[in-house]
C-alpha atoms as a PDB file:
ATOM      1  CA  MET A   1       0.000   0.000   0.000  1.00  0.00           C
ATOM      2  CA  SER A   2       1.334   3.408  -0.901  1.00  0.00           C
ATOM      3  CA  PRO A   3       2.060   6.012   1.783  1.00  0.00           C
ATOM      4  CA  PHE A   4      -0.620   8.238   0.266  1.00  0.00           C
ATOM      5  CA  LYS A   5      -3.289   5.522   0.680  1.00  0.00           C
ATOM      6  CA  CYS A   6      -2.168   4.941   4.263  1.00  0.00           C
ATOM      7  CA  LYS A   7      -2.450   8.640   5.020  1.00  0.00           C
ATOM      8  CA  VAL A   8      -5.915   8.856   3.419  1.00  0.00           C
ATOM      9  CA  LEU A   9      -7.128   5.829   5.396  1.00  0.00           C
ATOM     10  CA  ALA A  10      -5.722   7.234   8.637  1.00  0.00           C
ATOM     11  CA  SER A  11      -7.408  10.555   7.942  1.00  0.00           C
ATOM     12  CA  LEU A  12     -10.732   8.851   7.198  1.00  0.00           C
ATOM     13  CA  SER A  13     -10.506   6.811  10.371  1.00  0.00           C
ATOM     14  CA  GLU A  14      -9.762   9.954  12.438  1.00  0.00           C
ATOM     15  CA  THR A  15     -12.713  11.702  10.814  1.00  0.00           C
ATOM     16  CA  PHE A  16     -14.963   8.728  11.558  1.00  0.00           C
ATOM     17  CA  LEU A  17     -13.855   8.644  15.200  1.00  0.00           C
ATOM     18  CA  MET A  18     -14.378  12.381  15.549  1.00  0.00           C
ATOM     19  CA  ASN A  19     -17.880  12.086  14.069  1.00  0.00           C
ATOM     20  CA  GLN A  20     -18.679   9.259  16.497  1.00  0.00           C
ATOM     21  CA  TYR A  21     -17.392  11.344  19.396  1.00  0.00           C
ATOM     22  CA  ILE A  22     -19.532  14.335  18.378  1.00  0.00           C
ATOM     23  CA  PHE A  23     -22.581  12.093  17.930  1.00  0.00           C
ATOM     24  CA  PHE A  24     -22.183  10.447  21.337  1.00  0.00           C
ATOM     25  CA  MET A  25     -21.591  13.783  23.056  1.00  0.00           C
ATOM     26  CA  ALA A  26     -24.836  15.067  21.531  1.00  0.00           C
ATOM     27  CA  VAL A  27     -26.683  11.944  22.692  1.00  0.00           C
ATOM     28  CA  ILE A  28     -25.281  12.257  26.216  1.00  0.00           C
ATOM     29  CA  LYS A  29     -26.199  15.942  26.347  1.00  0.00           C
ATOM     30  CA  ASN A  30     -29.736  15.105  25.221  1.00  0.00           C
ATOM     31  CA  LEU A  31     -30.088  12.358  27.851  1.00  0.00           C
ATOM     32  CA  ASN A  32     -28.851  14.687  30.584  1.00  0.00           C
ATOM     33  CA  HIS A  33     -31.330  17.334  29.431  1.00  0.00           C
ATOM     34  CA  GLU A  34     -34.185  14.800  29.576  1.00  0.00           C
ATOM     35  CA  LYS A  35     -33.123  13.703  33.069  1.00  0.00           C
ATOM     36  CA  SER A  36     -33.083  17.346  34.178  1.00  0.00           C
ATOM     37  CA  LEU A  37     -36.567  17.876  32.786  1.00  0.00           C
ATOM     38  CA  GLN A  38     -37.804  14.738  34.554  1.00  0.00           C
ATOM     39  CA  ALA A  39     -36.307  15.933  37.828  1.00  0.00           C
ATOM     40  CA  LEU A  40     -37.876  19.367  37.406  1.00  0.00           C
ATOM     41  CA  SER A  41     -41.287  17.931  36.589  1.00  0.00           C
ATOM     42  CA  LYS A  42     -41.017  15.546  39.571  1.00  0.00           C
ATOM     43  CA  TYR A  43     -40.125  18.479  41.821  1.00  0.00           C
ATOM     44  CA  GLY A  44     -43.000  20.465  40.343  1.00  0.00           C
ATOM     45  CA  ARG A  45     -45.430  17.622  41.100  1.00  0.00           C
ATOM     46  CA  MET A  46     -44.138  17.358  44.663  1.00  0.00           C
ATOM     47  CA  GLU A  47     -44.548  21.105  45.109  1.00  0.00           C
ATOM     48  CA  ALA A  48     -48.095  20.948  43.695  1.00  0.00           C
ATOM     49  CA  VAL A  49     -49.001  18.163  46.151  1.00  0.00           C
ATOM     50  CA  GLU A  50     -47.646  20.215  49.057  1.00  0.00           C
ATOM     51  CA  LEU A  51     -49.645  23.264  47.949  1.00  0.00           C
ATOM     52  CA  GLU A  52     -52.752  21.105  47.610  1.00  0.00           C
ATOM     53  CA  LYS A  53     -52.241  19.806  51.165  1.00  0.00           C
ATOM     54  CA  GLU A  54     -51.854  23.370  52.463  1.00  0.00           C
ATOM     55  CA  ILE A  55     -55.031  24.474  50.681  1.00  0.00           C
ATOM     56  CA  ASP A  56     -56.968  21.476  52.024  1.00  0.00           C
ATOM     57  CA  TYR A  57     -55.699  22.231  55.536  1.00  0.00           C
ATOM     58  CA  GLU A  58     -56.690  25.908  55.312  1.00  0.00           C
ATOM     59  CA  ILE A  59     -60.150  25.038  53.985  1.00  0.00           C
ATOM     60  CA  SER A  60     -60.888  22.538  56.766  1.00  0.00           C
END
């Protein structure tokens, strides 16, 4: 194999690895964002339940 072909293959493999890295970083960022949203919505539900309890207590 010629040195030029070796260099092209090495460059392609680096490009492929870089693309994979970028893709996985985007996926991880998206998963973390979804987890944050789930945590916020869970906290929001807990807060709503507490407010509901306070309202029920004040009414009775």
